[in-house]
C-alpha atoms as a PDB file:
ATOM      1  CA  MET A   1      41.919 160.216 112.275  1.00  0.00           C
ATOM      2  CA  CYS A   2      38.494 161.859 112.141  1.00  0.00           C
ATOM      3  CA  ARG A   3      37.458 165.261 113.311  1.00  0.00           C
ATOM      4  CA  GLN A   4      34.062 166.892 113.538  1.00  0.00           C
ATOM      5  CA  ARG A   5      33.239 170.506 112.837  1.00  0.00           C
ATOM      6  CA  GLY A   6      30.260 172.689 112.064  1.00  0.00           C
ATOM      7  CA  GLY A   7      29.200 172.711 108.459  1.00  0.00           C
ATOM      8  CA  TRP A   8      26.983 174.332 105.885  1.00  0.00           C
ATOM      9  CA  ALA A   9      23.387 175.122 106.865  1.00  0.00           C
ATOM     10  CA  GLY A  10      23.442 173.280 110.161  1.00  0.00           C
ATOM     11  CA  HIS A  11      25.123 170.133 108.833  1.00  0.00           C
ATOM     12  CA  ILE A  12      27.708 168.196 110.779  1.00  0.00           C
ATOM     13  CA  LEU A  13      30.858 167.508 108.766  1.00  0.00           C
ATOM     14  CA  LEU A  14      32.913 164.507 109.842  1.00  0.00           C
ATOM     15  CA  LEU A  15      36.311 164.511 108.150  1.00  0.00           C
ATOM     16  CA  CYS A  16      37.882 161.058 108.047  1.00  0.00           C
ATOM     17  CA  GLY A  17      41.072 161.104 106.025  1.00  0.00           C
ATOM     18  CA  PRO A  18      40.359 161.678 102.332  1.00  0.00           C
ATOM     19  CA  ILE A  19      36.623 160.945 102.622  1.00  0.00           C
ATOM     20  CA  LEU A  20      34.142 163.618 103.638  1.00  0.00           C
ATOM     21  CA  LEU A  21      31.047 162.358 105.439  1.00  0.00           C
ATOM     22  CA  THR A  22      28.243 164.903 105.609  1.00  0.00           C
ATOM     23  CA  SER A  23      25.196 164.260 107.774  1.00  0.00           C
ATOM     24  CA  ALA A  24      22.224 166.527 108.338  1.00  0.00           C
ATOM     25  CA  ALA A  25      21.818 167.526 111.957  1.00  0.00           C
ATOM     26  CA  ALA A  26      18.429 167.041 113.553  1.00  0.00           C
ATOM     27  CA  GLY A  27      16.059 169.746 112.444  1.00  0.00           C
ATOM     28  CA  SER A  28      18.342 171.097 109.716  1.00  0.00           C
ATOM     29  CA  PRO A  29      16.500 172.207 106.577  1.00  0.00           C
ATOM     30  CA  GLY A  30      16.339 170.498 103.258  1.00  0.00           C
ATOM     31  CA  VAL A  31      18.003 167.130 103.631  1.00  0.00           C
ATOM     32  CA  HIS A  32      15.970 165.309 106.313  1.00  0.00           C
ATOM     33  CA  GLY A  33      18.734 163.171 107.775  1.00  0.00           C
ATOM     34  CA  ALA A  34      20.512 162.427 104.516  1.00  0.00           C
ATOM     35  CA  THR A  35      24.047 161.102 104.527  1.00  0.00           C
ATOM     36  CA  HIS A  36      26.522 161.886 101.766  1.00  0.00           C
ATOM     37  CA  LEU A  37      30.038 160.811 100.890  1.00  0.00           C
ATOM     38  CA  ALA A  38      32.325 162.820  98.665  1.00  0.00           C
ATOM     39  CA  CYS A  39      35.970 163.478  97.982  1.00  0.00           C
ATOM     40  CA  PRO A  40      37.223 166.874  99.192  1.00  0.00           C
ATOM     41  CA  GLY A  41      37.496 169.335  96.337  1.00  0.00           C
ATOM     42  CA  SER A  42      34.874 167.462  94.327  1.00  0.00           C
ATOM     43  CA  ARG A  43      31.240 168.486  93.973  1.00  0.00           C
ATOM     44  CA  ARG A  44      30.125 164.856  93.631  1.00  0.00           C
ATOM     45  CA  VAL A  45      28.060 163.386  96.409  1.00  0.00           C
ATOM     46  CA  LEU A  46      27.844 159.646  96.782  1.00  0.00           C
ATOM     47  CA  HIS A  47      24.676 158.646  98.521  1.00  0.00           C
ATOM     48  CA  PRO A  48      21.968 160.585 100.303  1.00  0.00           C
ATOM     49  CA  ALA A  49      20.231 158.438 102.913  1.00  0.00           C
ATOM     50  CA  ALA A  50      21.571 155.260 101.365  1.00  0.00           C
ATOM     51  CA  ALA A  51      24.340 154.142 103.677  1.00  0.00           C
ATOM     52  CA  ALA A  52      23.688 150.934 105.530  1.00  0.00           C
ATOM     53  CA  PRO A  53      22.937 151.367 109.240  1.00  0.00           C
ATOM     54  CA  GLY A  54      26.202 151.942 111.067  1.00  0.00           C
ATOM     55  CA  ALA A  55      28.261 152.268 107.874  1.00  0.00           C
ATOM     56  CA  GLN A  56      31.218 154.627 107.939  1.00  0.00           C
ATOM     57  CA  GLY A  57      32.942 156.433 105.134  1.00  0.00           C
ATOM     58  CA  GLY A  58      35.649 154.465 103.343  1.00  0.00           C
ATOM     59  CA  ALA A  59      39.250 155.273 104.130  1.00  0.00           C
ATOM     60  CA  SER A  60      40.885 154.654 100.771  1.00  0.00           C
ATOM     61  CA  GLY A  61      42.118 157.502  98.598  1.00  0.00           C
ATOM     62  CA  CYS A  62      40.044 159.469  96.092  1.00  0.00           C
ATOM     63  CA  SER A  63      42.723 159.851  93.415  1.00  0.00           C
ATOM     64  CA  ASP A  64      41.037 157.344  91.090  1.00  0.00           C
ATOM     65  CA  TRP A  65      37.582 157.327  92.631  1.00  0.00           C
ATOM     66  CA  SER A  66      34.641 159.663  92.206  1.00  0.00           C
ATOM     67  CA  ALA A  67      31.550 158.648  94.105  1.00  0.00           C
ATOM     68  CA  PRO A  68      28.575 158.191  91.755  1.00  0.00           C
ATOM     69  CA  ALA A  69      25.348 160.145  91.937  1.00  0.00           C
ATOM     70  CA  LEU A  70      22.671 157.972  93.432  1.00  0.00           C
ATOM     71  CA  HIS A  71      18.928 157.664  94.018  1.00  0.00           C
ATOM     72  CA  PRO A  72      17.941 155.445  96.969  1.00  0.00           C
ATOM     73  CA  GLY A  73      14.435 154.056  97.202  1.00  0.00           C
ATOM     74  CA  PRO A  74      11.918 155.582  99.629  1.00  0.00           C
ATOM     75  CA  ARG A  75      10.424 154.086 102.731  1.00  0.00           C
ATOM     76  CA  THR A  76       7.654 156.630 103.144  1.00  0.00           C
ATOM     77  CA  ARG A  77       8.509 159.885 101.418  1.00  0.00           C
ATOM     78  CA  SER A  78      11.146 161.727  99.438  1.00  0.00           C
ATOM     79  CA  ALA A  79      12.585 165.194  99.906  1.00  0.00           C
ATOM     80  CA  TRP A  80      14.797 167.224  97.606  1.00  0.00           C
ATOM     81  CA  GLY A  81      17.649 169.052  99.271  1.00  0.00           C
ATOM     82  CA  SER A  82      20.912 170.741  98.427  1.00  0.00           C
ATOM     83  CA  VAL A  83      24.260 170.081 100.036  1.00  0.00           C
ATOM     84  CA  GLU A  84      26.947 172.630  99.212  1.00  0.00           C
ATOM     85  CA  GLY A  85      25.428 173.242  95.789  1.00  0.00           C
ATOM     86  CA  GLU A  86      24.741 169.591  95.028  1.00  0.00           C
ATOM     87  CA  SER A  87      21.143 168.670  94.292  1.00  0.00           C
ATOM     88  CA  THR A  88      20.271 165.396  95.991  1.00  0.00           C
ATOM     89  CA  LEU A  89      17.250 163.186  96.508  1.00  0.00           C
ATOM     90  CA  SER A  90      16.894 162.121 100.120  1.00  0.00           C
ATOM     91  CA  LEU A  91      14.907 158.896 100.427  1.00  0.00           C
ATOM     92  CA  GLN A  92      14.873 156.421 103.274  1.00  0.00           C
ATOM     93  CA  GLY A  93      15.257 152.710 102.632  1.00  0.00           C
ATOM     94  CA  SER A  94      13.410 149.795 104.190  1.00  0.00           C
ATOM     95  CA  LEU A  95      14.374 148.110 107.447  1.00  0.00           C
ATOM     96  CA  ARG A  96      13.084 144.618 106.566  1.00  0.00           C
ATOM     97  CA  HIS A  97      15.507 141.729 106.108  1.00  0.00           C
ATOM     98  CA  LEU A  98      15.361 141.386 102.332  1.00  0.00           C
ATOM     99  CA  PRO A  99      18.216 141.639  99.820  1.00  0.00           C
ATOM    100  CA  ASP A 100      19.198 145.119  98.741  1.00  0.00           C
ATOM    101  CA  VAL A 101      18.605 145.916  95.067  1.00  0.00           C
ATOM    102  CA  LEU A 102      21.116 147.981  93.079  1.00  0.00           C
ATOM    103  CA  PHE A 103      20.022 149.456  89.737  1.00  0.00           C
ATOM    104  CA  LEU A 104      22.422 150.379  86.952  1.00  0.00           C
ATOM    105  CA  HIS A 105      21.246 152.037  83.724  1.00  0.00           C
ATOM    106  CA  GLY A 106      21.614 152.023  79.950  1.00  0.00           C
ATOM    107  CA  GLN A 107      23.426 154.367  77.573  1.00  0.00           C
ATOM    108  CA  ALA A 108      20.619 156.901  77.159  1.00  0.00           C
ATOM    109  CA  PHE A 109      19.424 156.827  80.766  1.00  0.00           C
ATOM    110  CA  THR A 110      20.432 157.678  84.347  1.00  0.00           C
ATOM    111  CA  SER A 111      19.537 156.681  87.884  1.00  0.00           C
ATOM    112  CA  LYS A 112      16.523 158.975  87.689  1.00  0.00           C
ATOM    113  CA  THR A 113      14.959 156.634  85.125  1.00  0.00           C
ATOM    114  CA  TRP A 114      14.157 154.169  87.899  1.00  0.00           C
ATOM    115  CA  GLU A 115      12.694 156.900  90.056  1.00  0.00           C
ATOM    116  CA  ALA A 116      10.496 158.253  87.256  1.00  0.00           C
ATOM    117  CA  LEU A 117       9.336 154.743  86.383  1.00  0.00           C
ATOM    118  CA  GLY A 118       8.222 154.192  89.961  1.00  0.00           C
ATOM    119  CA  THR A 119      10.499 151.181  90.388  1.00  0.00           C
ATOM    120  CA  LEU A 120      12.323 152.452  93.478  1.00  0.00           C
ATOM    121  CA  ALA A 121       9.091 153.389  95.227  1.00  0.00           C
ATOM    122  CA  LEU A 122       7.480 150.071  94.281  1.00  0.00           C
ATOM    123  CA  LEU A 123      10.328 148.010  95.715  1.00  0.00           C
ATOM    124  CA  ALA A 124      10.480 150.146  98.842  1.00  0.00           C
ATOM    125  CA  GLY A 125       6.779 149.493  99.329  1.00  0.00           C
ATOM    126  CA  GLU A 126       7.543 145.775  99.172  1.00  0.00           C
ATOM    127  CA  GLY A 127      10.207 146.133 101.853  1.00  0.00           C
ATOM    128  CA  TYR A 128      13.344 146.258  99.716  1.00  0.00           C
ATOM    129  CA  ARG A 129      16.160 148.776 100.019  1.00  0.00           C
ATOM    130  CA  ALA A 130      16.473 149.856  96.373  1.00  0.00           C
ATOM    131  CA  VAL A 131      19.245 152.139  95.116  1.00  0.00           C
ATOM    132  CA  ALA A 132      20.022 153.430  91.619  1.00  0.00           C
ATOM    133  CA  ILE A 133      23.348 155.013  90.677  1.00  0.00           C
ATOM    134  CA  ASP A 134      24.654 157.118  87.810  1.00  0.00           C
ATOM    135  CA  LEU A 135      27.554 155.277  86.204  1.00  0.00           C
ATOM    136  CA  PRO A 136      30.781 157.234  85.544  1.00  0.00           C
ATOM    137  CA  GLY A 137      30.265 159.852  82.841  1.00  0.00           C
ATOM    138  CA  TYR A 138      26.463 159.684  82.989  1.00  0.00           C
ATOM    139  CA  GLY A 139      23.865 161.796  84.754  1.00  0.00           C
ATOM    140  CA  ASP A 140      25.481 163.633  87.643  1.00  0.00           C
ATOM    141  CA  SER A 141      28.537 161.374  87.886  1.00  0.00           C
ATOM    142  CA  PRO A 142      31.832 162.585  86.383  1.00  0.00           C
ATOM    143  CA  PRO A 143      33.930 160.416  84.048  1.00  0.00           C
ATOM    144  CA  MET A 144      36.484 158.155  85.717  1.00  0.00           C
ATOM    145  CA  GLU A 145      39.710 156.750  84.340  1.00  0.00           C
ATOM    146  CA  MET A 146      39.096 153.437  86.086  1.00  0.00           C
ATOM    147  CA  ALA A 147      35.958 152.922  83.957  1.00  0.00           C
ATOM    148  CA  LEU A 148      38.107 152.528  80.827  1.00  0.00           C
ATOM    149  CA  THR A 149      39.011 148.901  81.571  1.00  0.00           C
ATOM    150  CA  ALA A 150      37.015 145.837  82.563  1.00  0.00           C
ATOM    151  CA  GLN A 151      39.157 145.466  85.674  1.00  0.00           C
ATOM    152  CA  GLY A 152      38.517 149.085  86.607  1.00  0.00           C
ATOM    153  CA  ARG A 153      34.769 148.775  86.057  1.00  0.00           C
ATOM    154  CA  ARG A 154      34.702 145.667  88.222  1.00  0.00           C
ATOM    155  CA  ALA A 155      36.611 147.549  90.923  1.00  0.00           C
ATOM    156  CA  PHE A 156      34.171 150.453  90.615  1.00  0.00           C
ATOM    157  CA  LEU A 157      31.177 148.248  91.422  1.00  0.00           C
ATOM    158  CA  ASP A 158      33.116 146.613  94.223  1.00  0.00           C
ATOM    159  CA  ARG A 159      33.741 150.041  95.759  1.00  0.00           C
ATOM    160  CA  VAL A 160      30.101 151.089  95.324  1.00  0.00           C
ATOM    161  CA  LEU A 161      28.896 148.010  97.195  1.00  0.00           C
ATOM    162  CA  GLN A 162      31.383 148.677  99.972  1.00  0.00           C
ATOM    163  CA  GLU A 163      30.356 152.326 100.321  1.00  0.00           C
ATOM    164  CA  LEU A 164      26.666 151.411 100.378  1.00  0.00           C
ATOM    165  CA  GLY A 165      27.181 148.595 102.852  1.00  0.00           C
ATOM    166  CA  MET A 166      25.541 146.091 100.492  1.00  0.00           C
ATOM    167  CA  GLN A 167      26.519 142.547 101.447  1.00  0.00           C
ATOM    168  CA  ARG A 168      24.742 140.416  98.808  1.00  0.00           C
ATOM    169  CA  PRO A 169      22.494 142.646  96.704  1.00  0.00           C
ATOM    170  CA  VAL A 170      20.493 141.861  93.606  1.00  0.00           C
ATOM    171  CA  LEU A 171      22.071 143.664  90.638  1.00  0.00           C
ATOM    172  CA  ILE A 172      19.831 145.021  87.860  1.00  0.00           C
ATOM    173  CA  SER A 173      21.820 145.664  84.683  1.00  0.00           C
ATOM    174  CA  PRO A 174      20.315 146.906  81.408  1.00  0.00           C
ATOM    175  CA  SER A 175      22.169 147.370  78.134  1.00  0.00           C
ATOM    176  CA  MET A 176      25.397 149.431  78.399  1.00  0.00           C
ATOM    177  CA  SER A 177      25.762 148.677  82.105  1.00  0.00           C
ATOM    178  CA  GLY A 178      26.735 145.128  81.188  1.00  0.00           C
ATOM    179  CA  ARG A 179      30.245 146.524  80.761  1.00  0.00           C
ATOM    180  CA  PHE A 180      30.243 146.971  84.540  1.00  0.00           C
ATOM    181  CA  SER A 181      28.039 144.138  85.783  1.00  0.00           C
ATOM    182  CA  LEU A 182      29.383 141.221  83.757  1.00  0.00           C
ATOM    183  CA  PRO A 183      33.046 141.525  84.826  1.00  0.00           C
ATOM    184  CA  PHE A 184      31.822 141.775  88.426  1.00  0.00           C
ATOM    185  CA  LEU A 185      29.461 138.800  88.054  1.00  0.00           C
ATOM    186  CA  LEU A 186      32.154 136.571  86.575  1.00  0.00           C
ATOM    187  CA  ALA A 187      34.642 137.508  89.307  1.00  0.00           C
ATOM    188  CA  HIS A 188      32.381 137.917  92.330  1.00  0.00           C
ATOM    189  CA  GLY A 189      29.113 136.160  91.565  1.00  0.00           C
ATOM    190  CA  ASP A 190      29.026 134.777  95.096  1.00  0.00           C
ATOM    191  CA  ARG A 191      28.675 138.343  96.368  1.00  0.00           C
ATOM    192  CA  LEU A 192      25.334 138.780  94.610  1.00  0.00           C
ATOM    193  CA  ALA A 193      22.025 137.371  95.820  1.00  0.00           C
ATOM    194  CA  GLY A 194      20.679 137.685  92.294  1.00  0.00           C
ATOM    195  CA  PHE A 195      21.374 139.124  88.852  1.00  0.00           C
ATOM    196  CA  VAL A 196      18.898 140.621  86.380  1.00  0.00           C
ATOM    197  CA  PRO A 197      20.531 141.334  83.005  1.00  0.00           C
ATOM    198  CA  ILE A 198      18.284 143.236  80.592  1.00  0.00           C
ATOM    199  CA  ALA A 199      19.817 142.678  77.138  1.00  0.00           C
ATOM    200  CA  PRO A 200      23.267 143.759  78.366  1.00  0.00           C
ATOM    201  CA  VAL A 201      26.259 144.491  76.167  1.00  0.00           C
ATOM    202  CA  GLY A 202      29.487 142.536  76.481  1.00  0.00           C
ATOM    203  CA  THR A 203      28.112 139.027  76.954  1.00  0.00           C
ATOM    204  CA  LYS A 204      30.258 137.712  74.089  1.00  0.00           C
ATOM    205  CA  ASP A 205      33.437 138.697  75.948  1.00  0.00           C
ATOM    206  CA  PHE A 206      33.190 135.637  78.189  1.00  0.00           C
ATOM    207  CA  THR A 207      33.214 131.914  77.480  1.00  0.00           C
ATOM    208  CA  ALA A 208      30.523 129.340  78.138  1.00  0.00           C
ATOM    209  CA  GLU A 209      32.833 127.748  80.714  1.00  0.00           C
ATOM    210  CA  GLN A 210      33.110 131.051  82.587  1.00  0.00           C
ATOM    211  CA  TYR A 211      29.346 131.431  82.686  1.00  0.00           C
ATOM    212  CA  ARG A 212      28.837 127.847  83.859  1.00  0.00           C
ATOM    213  CA  ALA A 213      31.033 128.532  86.879  1.00  0.00           C
ATOM    214  CA  VAL A 214      28.666 131.238  88.157  1.00  0.00           C
ATOM    215  CA  GLN A 215      26.069 130.062  90.691  1.00  0.00           C
ATOM    216  CA  THR A 216      24.191 133.366  91.036  1.00  0.00           C
ATOM    217  CA  PRO A 217      20.405 133.083  90.505  1.00  0.00           C
ATOM    218  CA  THR A 218      19.706 135.028  87.314  1.00  0.00           C
ATOM    219  CA  LEU A 219      16.641 136.413  85.574  1.00  0.00           C
ATOM    220  CA  ILE A 220      17.420 136.968  81.886  1.00  0.00           C
ATOM    221  CA  LEU A 221      14.899 139.620  80.917  1.00  0.00           C
ATOM    222  CA  TYR A 222      14.332 141.298  77.543  1.00  0.00           C
ATOM    223  CA  GLY A 223      11.729 142.707  75.185  1.00  0.00           C
ATOM    224  CA  GLY A 224      10.224 140.513  72.510  1.00  0.00           C
ATOM    225  CA  HIS A 225      10.808 143.183  69.857  1.00  0.00           C
ATOM    226  CA  ASP A 226      14.488 143.613  70.739  1.00  0.00           C
ATOM    227  CA  THR A 227      16.163 141.939  67.786  1.00  0.00           C
ATOM    228  CA  GLY A 228      19.567 143.514  68.429  1.00  0.00           C
ATOM    229  CA  LEU A 229      21.253 142.811  71.751  1.00  0.00           C
ATOM    230  CA  ALA A 230      18.649 140.492  73.251  1.00  0.00           C
ATOM    231  CA  PRO A 231      19.304 137.393  71.075  1.00  0.00           C
ATOM    232  CA  GLN A 232      23.073 137.652  71.551  1.00  0.00           C
ATOM    233  CA  ALA A 233      22.723 138.187  75.283  1.00  0.00           C
ATOM    234  CA  LEU A 234      20.377 135.214  75.612  1.00  0.00           C
ATOM    235  CA  GLN A 235      22.707 132.986  73.598  1.00  0.00           C
ATOM    236  CA  ASN A 236      25.563 133.668  75.996  1.00  0.00           C
ATOM    237  CA  LEU A 237      23.776 134.122  79.317  1.00  0.00           C
ATOM    238  CA  GLN A 238      21.820 130.884  78.981  1.00  0.00           C
ATOM    239  CA  HIS A 239      25.023 129.110  80.012  1.00  0.00           C
ATOM    240  CA  LEU A 240      24.491 130.441  83.537  1.00  0.00           C
ATOM    241  CA  PRO A 241      23.338 127.323  85.427  1.00  0.00           C
ATOM    242  CA  LYS A 242      20.772 129.043  87.647  1.00  0.00           C
ATOM    243  CA  HIS A 243      18.935 131.171  85.124  1.00  0.00           C
ATOM    244  CA  ARG A 244      15.349 131.715  84.142  1.00  0.00           C
ATOM    245  CA  VAL A 245      14.033 133.773  81.219  1.00  0.00           C
ATOM    246  CA  ALA A 246      11.298 136.406  81.047  1.00  0.00           C
ATOM    247  CA  VAL A 247      10.285 137.930  77.709  1.00  0.00           C
ATOM    248  CA  LEU A 248       8.128 141.061  77.701  1.00  0.00           C
ATOM    249  CA  SER A 249       5.918 140.663  74.648  1.00  0.00           C
ATOM    250  CA  GLY A 250       5.611 143.768  72.488  1.00  0.00           C
ATOM    251  CA  ALA A 251       8.500 145.563  74.209  1.00  0.00           C
ATOM    252  CA  GLY A 252      11.699 146.834  72.632  1.00  0.00           C
ATOM    253  CA  HIS A 253      15.245 147.156  73.929  1.00  0.00           C
ATOM    254  CA  ALA A 254      14.266 149.382  76.888  1.00  0.00           C
ATOM    255  CA  CYS A 255      11.538 146.894  77.768  1.00  0.00           C
ATOM    256  CA  TYR A 256      11.063 148.313  81.272  1.00  0.00           C
ATOM    257  CA  LEU A 257       9.899 151.590  79.707  1.00  0.00           C
ATOM    258  CA  ASP A 258       7.663 149.963  77.102  1.00  0.00           C
ATOM    259  CA  LYS A 259       5.995 147.556  79.521  1.00  0.00           C
ATOM    260  CA  PRO A 260       6.574 148.842  83.068  1.00  0.00           C
ATOM    261  CA  GLU A 261       3.811 146.810  84.710  1.00  0.00           C
ATOM    262  CA  GLU A 262       5.000 143.570  83.141  1.00  0.00           C
ATOM    263  CA  PHE A 263       8.598 144.436  84.014  1.00  0.00           C
ATOM    264  CA  HIS A 264       7.741 145.113  87.634  1.00  0.00           C
ATOM    265  CA  ARG A 265       5.725 141.905  87.853  1.00  0.00           C
ATOM    266  CA  ALA A 266       8.607 139.830  86.490  1.00  0.00           C
ATOM    267  CA  LEU A 267      11.155 141.545  88.738  1.00  0.00           C
ATOM    268  CA  LEU A 268       9.098 141.142  91.904  1.00  0.00           C
ATOM    269  CA  GLY A 269       8.398 137.508  91.064  1.00  0.00           C
ATOM    270  CA  PHE A 270      12.121 136.869  90.795  1.00  0.00           C
ATOM    271  CA  LEU A 271      12.977 138.758  93.984  1.00  0.00           C
ATOM    272  CA  ARG A 272      10.339 136.912  95.997  1.00  0.00           C
ATOM    273  CA  GLN A 273      11.707 133.489  95.115  1.00  0.00           C
ATOM    274  CA  LEU A 274      15.266 134.329  96.178  1.00  0.00           C
ATOM    275  CA  LYS A 275      16.432 132.723  99.415  1.00  0.00           C
END
């Protein structure tokens, strides 16, 4: 049962069970039509301006779920706002019929890395709805008990895709985020339009037979100077039957930072050939 009431600074608050949906009313300051999802009693906001058209807040409980902080890609402009003390980036996604793109991040980074690099804006300019999230315990997202197990991390990504209304997105997964993306890929590869692992951790946790069963188009991407995780990841991920490899010459482990232009070129080339 949902009920609507007046909210903070001209916002409309729609309370639907345990999920709080906050939408900026027309003409309200700061947020420019952003939409946010959060659990009552928590300061975490899920996604400003990132919900799919017509998407509603989920109805499942919040006891083991904290919505991650998120940066959606822009269509034309961005605007910083604050919702009940929570700093958010309100950016509108594209309306073209292209696969959504979901960005995870590495150990030393957050969702804002992709904003600062210009990746979200670049993809939005190409017509893609691009979204980056803070994984549990990183950036503005609180730790979550469910992130302690592979099953929980898989369930976390499943819930994120549901909340964002992403049907078959392309998943970008550097380094540490492999702990989340790989369990999801092996279990639900058919729910991804594409997969871009960037020297992810955890590739050795799965067998060659498991990888061969995945039919998701994959771009294995890494830096030529990454002599740590990249060789191990390549050795295991090359068992994926629909993979291609892109090596960024002269780049290290965070190859997208070392060679952003080459990274963007490789990523866009992969996205454009997806059906």
